[in-house]
Amino acid sequence: MWRSISRPATLMALAALVLLAGCGSGDQTTSAGALATTPTTTATATTTTPAPTTTAAARCASAAFSSNPEDLASDVRSTGLGCPEAEALVRKVGLQMNSSDGPSRVETDGFACIRTSLRSGDHGPPLGTVECARGGTTVTFVRAFVA
């Protein structure tokens, strides 16, 4: 009985082995029965347009608020607004944001100005970073809060 079962299984295994032995010989890149095709490429001329460059923020002069040399706005940067106008805005906003306990948001000349950070000065008064925006125009500065 064992012979009658194992003999057909052995023959089937040998037949499969013979069939598989023929696959993969040579430099064929296709599977059995598939037709080999050569990939076609077409080259098209392309032109590239450089991306628009962003304008760097202009560095403007510091603005003093009193005769105290520490009572000032520094690191004034402006995008989309000339320095004379940006410095005038900083003077207006800085006078309204005159202490660390004062308002953290001021609106003037169509600009919304927000104090985005407040930190203690290392060897001086506390410092607040202020960002003013109107559309795509921005002005930022660091305001020292003297007592």
N, C-alpha and C. Protein backbone atom coordinates (compact mmCIF):
# COMPACT_ATOMS: atom_id res chain seq x y z
N MET A 1 0.81 -1.18 0.00
CA MET A 1 0.00 0.00 0.00
C MET A 1 0.86 1.26 0.00
N TRP A 2 1.90 1.26 0.77
CA TRP A 2 2.79 2.42 0.86
C TRP A 2 3.38 2.75 -0.51
N ARG A 3 3.75 1.74 -1.28
CA ARG A 3 4.32 1.94 -2.61
C ARG A 3 3.31 2.58 -3.55
N SER A 4 2.09 2.20 -3.46
CA SER A 4 1.09 2.74 -4.38
C SER A 4 0.81 4.21 -4.10
N ILE A 5 1.00 4.66 -2.88
CA ILE A 5 0.78 6.07 -2.53
C ILE A 5 2.03 6.89 -2.81
N SER A 6 3.20 6.40 -2.46
CA SER A 6 4.42 7.19 -2.57
C SER A 6 4.94 7.28 -3.99
N ARG A 7 4.70 6.27 -4.82
CA ARG A 7 5.22 6.28 -6.18
C ARG A 7 4.64 7.43 -7.01
N PRO A 8 3.30 7.68 -7.04
CA PRO A 8 2.79 8.82 -7.82
C PRO A 8 3.27 10.15 -7.26
N ALA A 9 3.40 10.27 -5.96
CA ALA A 9 3.86 11.52 -5.36
C ALA A 9 5.31 11.80 -5.75
N THR A 10 6.13 10.77 -5.81
CA THR A 10 7.52 10.92 -6.21
C THR A 10 7.61 11.34 -7.66
N LEU A 11 6.81 10.72 -8.51
CA LEU A 11 6.81 11.08 -9.92
C LEU A 11 6.37 12.53 -10.13
N MET A 12 5.39 12.96 -9.40
CA MET A 12 4.92 14.35 -9.51
C MET A 12 6.01 15.33 -9.07
N ALA A 13 6.72 15.01 -8.02
CA ALA A 13 7.79 15.88 -7.52
C ALA A 13 8.92 15.97 -8.53
N LEU A 14 9.27 14.84 -9.17
CA LEU A 14 10.32 14.84 -10.18
C LEU A 14 9.90 15.64 -11.41
N ALA A 15 8.66 15.54 -11.80
CA ALA A 15 8.17 16.28 -12.97
C ALA A 15 8.22 17.79 -12.69
N ALA A 16 7.83 18.17 -11.50
CA ALA A 16 7.87 19.59 -11.12
C ALA A 16 9.30 20.09 -11.09
N LEU A 17 10.19 19.29 -10.62
CA LEU A 17 11.60 19.66 -10.54
C LEU A 17 12.19 19.85 -11.94
N VAL A 18 11.84 19.00 -12.87
CA VAL A 18 12.34 19.11 -14.24
C VAL A 18 11.80 20.39 -14.89
N LEU A 19 10.53 20.67 -14.67
CA LEU A 19 9.94 21.88 -15.24
C LEU A 19 10.58 23.14 -14.67
N LEU A 20 10.79 23.16 -13.39
CA LEU A 20 11.37 24.33 -12.75
C LEU A 20 12.85 24.50 -13.07
N ALA A 21 13.52 23.42 -13.37
CA ALA A 21 14.96 23.49 -13.67
C ALA A 21 15.20 24.27 -14.95
N GLY A 22 14.24 24.28 -15.86
CA GLY A 22 14.41 25.01 -17.11
C GLY A 22 14.19 26.51 -16.95
N CYS A 23 13.56 26.94 -15.87
CA CYS A 23 13.29 28.37 -15.66
C CYS A 23 14.53 29.05 -15.11
N GLY A 24 14.72 30.26 -15.53
CA GLY A 24 15.78 31.07 -14.97
C GLY A 24 17.11 30.91 -15.64
N SER A 25 17.22 30.09 -16.64
CA SER A 25 18.52 29.96 -17.29
C SER A 25 18.70 31.09 -18.29
N GLY A 26 19.89 31.51 -18.49
CA GLY A 26 20.17 32.60 -19.43
C GLY A 26 19.98 33.95 -18.75
N ASP A 27 19.81 35.00 -19.58
CA ASP A 27 19.69 36.34 -19.05
C ASP A 27 18.26 36.87 -19.18
N GLN A 28 17.30 35.99 -19.14
CA GLN A 28 15.91 36.41 -19.27
C GLN A 28 15.48 37.16 -18.02
N THR A 29 14.68 38.22 -18.23
CA THR A 29 14.20 39.01 -17.09
C THR A 29 12.70 38.86 -16.91
N THR A 30 12.09 37.90 -17.63
CA THR A 30 10.65 37.72 -17.52
C THR A 30 10.35 36.38 -16.89
N SER A 31 9.16 36.25 -16.38
CA SER A 31 8.75 34.98 -15.81
C SER A 31 8.31 34.06 -16.93
N ALA A 32 8.11 32.80 -16.62
CA ALA A 32 7.75 31.82 -17.63
C ALA A 32 6.44 32.21 -18.30
N GLY A 33 6.44 32.20 -19.62
CA GLY A 33 5.24 32.47 -20.38
C GLY A 33 5.01 33.93 -20.69
N ALA A 34 5.74 34.84 -20.07
CA ALA A 34 5.54 36.26 -20.32
C ALA A 34 6.43 36.71 -21.46
N LEU A 35 5.97 37.66 -22.21
CA LEU A 35 6.76 38.19 -23.30
C LEU A 35 7.67 39.30 -22.80
N ALA A 36 8.87 39.29 -23.28
CA ALA A 36 9.82 40.32 -22.88
C ALA A 36 9.52 41.60 -23.65
N THR A 37 9.47 42.71 -22.94
CA THR A 37 9.29 44.00 -23.59
C THR A 37 10.40 44.92 -23.15
N THR A 38 10.81 45.77 -24.02
CA THR A 38 11.86 46.73 -23.72
C THR A 38 11.19 48.03 -23.32
N PRO A 39 11.54 48.58 -22.16
CA PRO A 39 10.90 49.83 -21.75
C PRO A 39 11.31 50.97 -22.70
N THR A 40 10.34 51.80 -23.01
CA THR A 40 10.62 52.95 -23.87
C THR A 40 10.59 54.21 -23.03
N THR A 41 11.49 55.11 -23.36
CA THR A 41 11.52 56.38 -22.64
C THR A 41 11.45 57.50 -23.67
N THR A 42 10.77 58.53 -23.29
CA THR A 42 10.71 59.70 -24.15
C THR A 42 11.21 60.89 -23.35
N ALA A 43 12.06 61.64 -23.96
CA ALA A 43 12.62 62.82 -23.29
C ALA A 43 11.88 64.05 -23.78
N THR A 44 11.46 64.86 -22.84
CA THR A 44 10.82 66.11 -23.20
C THR A 44 11.63 67.26 -22.63
N ALA A 45 11.70 68.31 -23.36
CA ALA A 45 12.44 69.48 -22.90
C ALA A 45 11.62 70.18 -21.83
N THR A 46 12.25 70.51 -20.73
CA THR A 46 11.58 71.24 -19.66
C THR A 46 12.37 72.48 -19.33
N THR A 47 11.66 73.49 -18.93
CA THR A 47 12.33 74.70 -18.46
C THR A 47 11.94 74.89 -17.01
N THR A 48 12.86 75.36 -16.24
CA THR A 48 12.58 75.61 -14.84
C THR A 48 12.59 77.09 -14.57
N THR A 49 11.64 77.49 -13.76
CA THR A 49 11.57 78.88 -13.35
C THR A 49 12.00 78.93 -11.90
N PRO A 50 12.97 79.75 -11.57
CA PRO A 50 13.41 79.79 -10.18
C PRO A 50 12.28 80.30 -9.29
N ALA A 51 12.22 79.74 -8.09
CA ALA A 51 11.21 80.17 -7.12
C ALA A 51 11.49 81.61 -6.71
N PRO A 52 10.43 82.35 -6.43
CA PRO A 52 10.67 83.72 -6.01
C PRO A 52 11.42 83.75 -4.68
N THR A 53 12.35 84.65 -4.58
CA THR A 53 13.11 84.76 -3.34
C THR A 53 12.34 85.60 -2.34
N THR A 54 12.46 85.24 -1.10
CA THR A 54 11.78 86.01 -0.07
C THR A 54 12.68 87.17 0.32
N THR A 55 12.07 88.28 0.56
CA THR A 55 12.83 89.45 0.95
C THR A 55 13.18 89.34 2.43
N ALA A 56 14.42 89.50 2.73
CA ALA A 56 14.86 89.44 4.12
C ALA A 56 14.38 90.69 4.84
N ALA A 57 14.12 90.54 6.10
CA ALA A 57 13.68 91.68 6.91
C ALA A 57 14.80 92.71 7.01
N ALA A 58 14.43 93.96 6.83
CA ALA A 58 15.42 95.05 6.97
C ALA A 58 15.72 95.26 8.45
N ARG A 59 16.97 95.53 8.75
CA ARG A 59 17.37 95.86 10.12
C ARG A 59 17.30 97.37 10.27
N CYS A 60 16.52 97.81 11.23
CA CYS A 60 16.33 99.24 11.44
C CYS A 60 16.99 99.68 12.75
N ALA A 61 17.02 100.99 12.96
CA ALA A 61 17.66 101.55 14.16
C ALA A 61 16.82 101.27 15.41
N SER A 62 17.50 101.27 16.55
CA SER A 62 16.80 101.14 17.83
C SER A 62 16.01 102.41 18.10
N ALA A 63 14.99 102.28 18.93
CA ALA A 63 14.15 103.44 19.28
C ALA A 63 14.22 103.67 20.78
N ALA A 64 14.58 104.88 21.19
CA ALA A 64 14.66 105.24 22.60
C ALA A 64 13.32 105.83 23.04
N PHE A 65 12.94 105.56 24.31
CA PHE A 65 11.67 106.06 24.83
C PHE A 65 11.86 107.11 25.92
N SER A 66 13.05 107.23 26.44
CA SER A 66 13.33 108.24 27.46
C SER A 66 14.84 108.50 27.48
N SER A 67 15.26 109.32 28.42
CA SER A 67 16.69 109.60 28.52
C SER A 67 17.46 108.44 29.16
N ASN A 68 16.75 107.47 29.72
CA ASN A 68 17.37 106.29 30.30
C ASN A 68 17.89 105.41 29.14
N PRO A 69 19.17 105.13 29.10
CA PRO A 69 19.73 104.38 27.97
C PRO A 69 19.19 102.94 27.87
N GLU A 70 18.61 102.40 28.94
CA GLU A 70 18.06 101.05 28.90
C GLU A 70 16.62 101.02 28.41
N ASP A 71 15.96 102.20 28.38
CA ASP A 71 14.55 102.29 28.01
C ASP A 71 14.45 102.41 26.48
N LEU A 72 14.57 101.25 25.81
CA LEU A 72 14.58 101.30 24.34
C LEU A 72 14.04 100.02 23.73
N ALA A 73 13.81 100.11 22.43
CA ALA A 73 13.46 98.94 21.62
C ALA A 73 14.65 98.67 20.71
N SER A 74 15.10 97.45 20.69
CA SER A 74 16.26 97.08 19.87
C SER A 74 15.88 95.94 18.94
N ASP A 75 16.83 95.56 18.12
CA ASP A 75 16.64 94.47 17.15
C ASP A 75 15.36 94.68 16.33
N VAL A 76 15.18 95.91 15.84
CA VAL A 76 14.00 96.26 15.04
C VAL A 76 14.18 95.71 13.64
N ARG A 77 13.22 94.91 13.19
CA ARG A 77 13.25 94.32 11.84
C ARG A 77 11.92 94.57 11.16
N SER A 78 12.00 94.89 9.88
CA SER A 78 10.80 95.26 9.13
C SER A 78 10.76 94.54 7.79
N THR A 79 9.61 94.02 7.43
CA THR A 79 9.38 93.41 6.12
C THR A 79 8.17 94.09 5.51
N GLY A 80 8.37 94.72 4.36
CA GLY A 80 7.27 95.37 3.67
C GLY A 80 7.01 96.79 4.11
N LEU A 81 7.87 97.33 4.94
CA LEU A 81 7.71 98.69 5.43
C LEU A 81 9.11 99.29 5.57
N GLY A 82 9.28 100.53 5.13
CA GLY A 82 10.58 101.19 5.24
C GLY A 82 10.97 101.42 6.69
N CYS A 83 12.25 101.56 6.95
CA CYS A 83 12.73 101.74 8.32
C CYS A 83 12.17 103.00 9.00
N PRO A 84 12.08 104.15 8.33
CA PRO A 84 11.52 105.31 9.03
C PRO A 84 10.10 105.06 9.54
N GLU A 85 9.28 104.40 8.71
CA GLU A 85 7.90 104.09 9.13
C GLU A 85 7.89 103.02 10.22
N ALA A 86 8.76 102.03 10.10
CA ALA A 86 8.83 100.97 11.11
C ALA A 86 9.29 101.53 12.46
N GLU A 87 10.27 102.42 12.44
CA GLU A 87 10.75 103.02 13.69
C GLU A 87 9.67 103.88 14.33
N ALA A 88 8.89 104.59 13.52
CA ALA A 88 7.78 105.39 14.07
C ALA A 88 6.73 104.47 14.71
N LEU A 89 6.44 103.34 14.07
CA LEU A 89 5.49 102.38 14.64
C LEU A 89 6.02 101.83 15.96
N VAL A 90 7.30 101.49 16.00
CA VAL A 90 7.90 100.95 17.22
C VAL A 90 7.80 101.96 18.36
N ARG A 91 8.03 103.24 18.07
CA ARG A 91 7.92 104.27 19.11
C ARG A 91 6.49 104.35 19.64
N LYS A 92 5.49 104.29 18.75
CA LYS A 92 4.08 104.34 19.19
C LYS A 92 3.72 103.13 20.05
N VAL A 93 4.07 101.96 19.56
CA VAL A 93 3.71 100.73 20.26
C VAL A 93 4.50 100.61 21.56
N GLY A 94 5.79 100.92 21.50
CA GLY A 94 6.64 100.81 22.68
C GLY A 94 6.21 101.71 23.82
N LEU A 95 5.67 102.89 23.49
CA LEU A 95 5.18 103.77 24.55
C LEU A 95 3.93 103.19 25.22
N GLN A 96 3.13 102.45 24.48
CA GLN A 96 1.93 101.83 25.06
C GLN A 96 2.26 100.55 25.83
N MET A 97 3.25 99.83 25.35
CA MET A 97 3.73 98.63 26.05
C MET A 97 4.94 99.03 26.87
N ASN A 98 4.72 99.75 27.95
CA ASN A 98 5.82 100.35 28.69
C ASN A 98 6.24 99.61 29.95
N SER A 99 5.60 98.48 30.26
CA SER A 99 6.03 97.69 31.41
C SER A 99 5.69 96.23 31.17
N SER A 100 6.36 95.38 31.91
CA SER A 100 6.11 93.94 31.75
C SER A 100 4.71 93.58 32.24
N ASP A 101 4.13 94.42 33.10
CA ASP A 101 2.77 94.20 33.58
C ASP A 101 1.74 94.88 32.69
N GLY A 102 2.19 95.64 31.70
CA GLY A 102 1.30 96.39 30.82
C GLY A 102 0.61 95.49 29.81
N PRO A 103 -0.06 96.11 28.84
CA PRO A 103 -0.80 95.31 27.86
C PRO A 103 0.13 94.45 27.01
N SER A 104 -0.36 93.27 26.66
CA SER A 104 0.43 92.38 25.81
C SER A 104 -0.04 92.46 24.35
N ARG A 105 -1.10 93.26 24.11
CA ARG A 105 -1.60 93.44 22.74
C ARG A 105 -2.00 94.90 22.55
N VAL A 106 -1.54 95.48 21.43
CA VAL A 106 -1.84 96.87 21.09
C VAL A 106 -2.19 96.93 19.62
N GLU A 107 -3.17 97.75 19.26
CA GLU A 107 -3.51 97.98 17.85
C GLU A 107 -3.32 99.45 17.54
N THR A 108 -2.58 99.73 16.48
CA THR A 108 -2.35 101.10 16.06
C THR A 108 -2.01 101.13 14.57
N ASP A 109 -2.49 102.12 13.87
CA ASP A 109 -2.23 102.32 12.44
C ASP A 109 -2.54 101.07 11.60
N GLY A 110 -3.54 100.31 12.02
CA GLY A 110 -3.91 99.09 11.30
C GLY A 110 -3.05 97.88 11.62
N PHE A 111 -2.06 98.05 12.48
CA PHE A 111 -1.20 96.94 12.90
C PHE A 111 -1.74 96.32 14.19
N ALA A 112 -1.70 95.01 14.26
CA ALA A 112 -1.98 94.29 15.50
C ALA A 112 -0.62 93.87 16.05
N CYS A 113 -0.30 94.36 17.23
CA CYS A 113 1.00 94.09 17.83
C CYS A 113 0.82 93.24 19.08
N ILE A 114 1.56 92.16 19.16
CA ILE A 114 1.43 91.21 20.27
C ILE A 114 2.80 90.96 20.88
N ARG A 115 2.85 91.00 22.22
CA ARG A 115 4.09 90.62 22.91
C ARG A 115 4.11 89.10 22.92
N THR A 116 5.05 88.52 22.19
CA THR A 116 5.09 87.07 22.05
C THR A 116 5.94 86.37 23.09
N SER A 117 6.82 87.10 23.76
CA SER A 117 7.61 86.48 24.83
C SER A 117 8.03 87.55 25.82
N LEU A 118 8.30 87.11 27.02
CA LEU A 118 8.78 87.99 28.08
C LEU A 118 9.82 87.21 28.87
N ARG A 119 10.99 87.78 29.01
CA ARG A 119 12.05 87.10 29.75
C ARG A 119 12.79 88.10 30.62
N SER A 120 13.35 87.60 31.68
CA SER A 120 14.11 88.50 32.54
C SER A 120 15.45 88.79 31.89
N GLY A 121 15.89 90.03 32.04
CA GLY A 121 17.19 90.41 31.48
C GLY A 121 18.30 89.80 32.32
N ASP A 122 19.40 89.44 31.69
CA ASP A 122 20.50 88.84 32.44
C ASP A 122 21.08 89.83 33.45
N HIS A 123 21.38 91.04 33.00
CA HIS A 123 21.96 92.06 33.88
C HIS A 123 21.26 93.39 33.64
N GLY A 124 20.00 93.34 33.38
CA GLY A 124 19.26 94.56 33.08
C GLY A 124 17.76 94.32 33.22
N PRO A 125 16.98 95.17 32.61
CA PRO A 125 15.53 95.07 32.75
C PRO A 125 14.96 93.87 31.99
N PRO A 126 13.71 93.48 32.33
CA PRO A 126 13.06 92.42 31.57
C PRO A 126 12.91 92.82 30.10
N LEU A 127 12.90 91.82 29.22
CA LEU A 127 12.81 92.07 27.79
C LEU A 127 11.60 91.34 27.21
N GLY A 128 10.88 92.02 26.32
CA GLY A 128 9.74 91.40 25.66
C GLY A 128 9.90 91.49 24.15
N THR A 129 9.60 90.40 23.46
CA THR A 129 9.62 90.40 22.00
C THR A 129 8.22 90.76 21.52
N VAL A 130 8.15 91.73 20.60
CA VAL A 130 6.87 92.21 20.10
C VAL A 130 6.84 91.99 18.59
N GLU A 131 5.71 91.45 18.11
CA GLU A 131 5.51 91.24 16.67
C GLU A 131 4.28 92.02 16.24
N CYS A 132 4.44 92.87 15.24
CA CYS A 132 3.34 93.66 14.68
C CYS A 132 3.09 93.20 13.25
N ALA A 133 1.82 93.05 12.89
CA ALA A 133 1.49 92.59 11.54
C ALA A 133 0.28 93.33 10.99
N ARG A 134 0.36 93.60 9.71
CA ARG A 134 -0.77 94.17 8.95
C ARG A 134 -0.66 93.57 7.55
N GLY A 135 -1.53 92.61 7.25
CA GLY A 135 -1.42 91.92 5.97
C GLY A 135 -0.08 91.20 5.90
N GLY A 136 0.67 91.43 4.81
CA GLY A 136 1.98 90.81 4.65
C GLY A 136 3.11 91.64 5.23
N THR A 137 2.79 92.77 5.85
CA THR A 137 3.81 93.66 6.43
C THR A 137 4.03 93.28 7.89
N THR A 138 5.29 93.12 8.28
CA THR A 138 5.60 92.78 9.67
C THR A 138 6.72 93.66 10.21
N VAL A 139 6.62 93.95 11.48
CA VAL A 139 7.68 94.67 12.21
C VAL A 139 7.84 93.94 13.53
N THR A 140 9.07 93.57 13.86
CA THR A 140 9.34 92.93 15.14
C THR A 140 10.43 93.71 15.87
N PHE A 141 10.39 93.66 17.19
CA PHE A 141 11.41 94.33 17.99
C PHE A 141 11.44 93.74 19.39
N VAL A 142 12.51 94.04 20.12
CA VAL A 142 12.67 93.63 21.51
C VAL A 142 12.57 94.89 22.36
N ARG A 143 11.61 94.89 23.29
CA ARG A 143 11.35 96.05 24.15
C ARG A 143 11.90 95.77 25.54
N ALA A 144 12.74 96.69 26.04
CA ALA A 144 13.22 96.60 27.41
C ALA A 144 12.21 97.31 28.30
N PHE A 145 11.85 96.65 29.41
CA PHE A 145 10.87 97.22 30.35
C PHE A 145 11.59 97.71 31.59
N VAL A 146 11.86 99.02 31.66
CA VAL A 146 12.56 99.58 32.82
C VAL A 146 11.54 100.02 33.85
N ALA A 147 11.94 99.94 35.10
CA ALA A 147 11.01 100.31 36.18
C ALA A 147 11.02 101.80 36.44
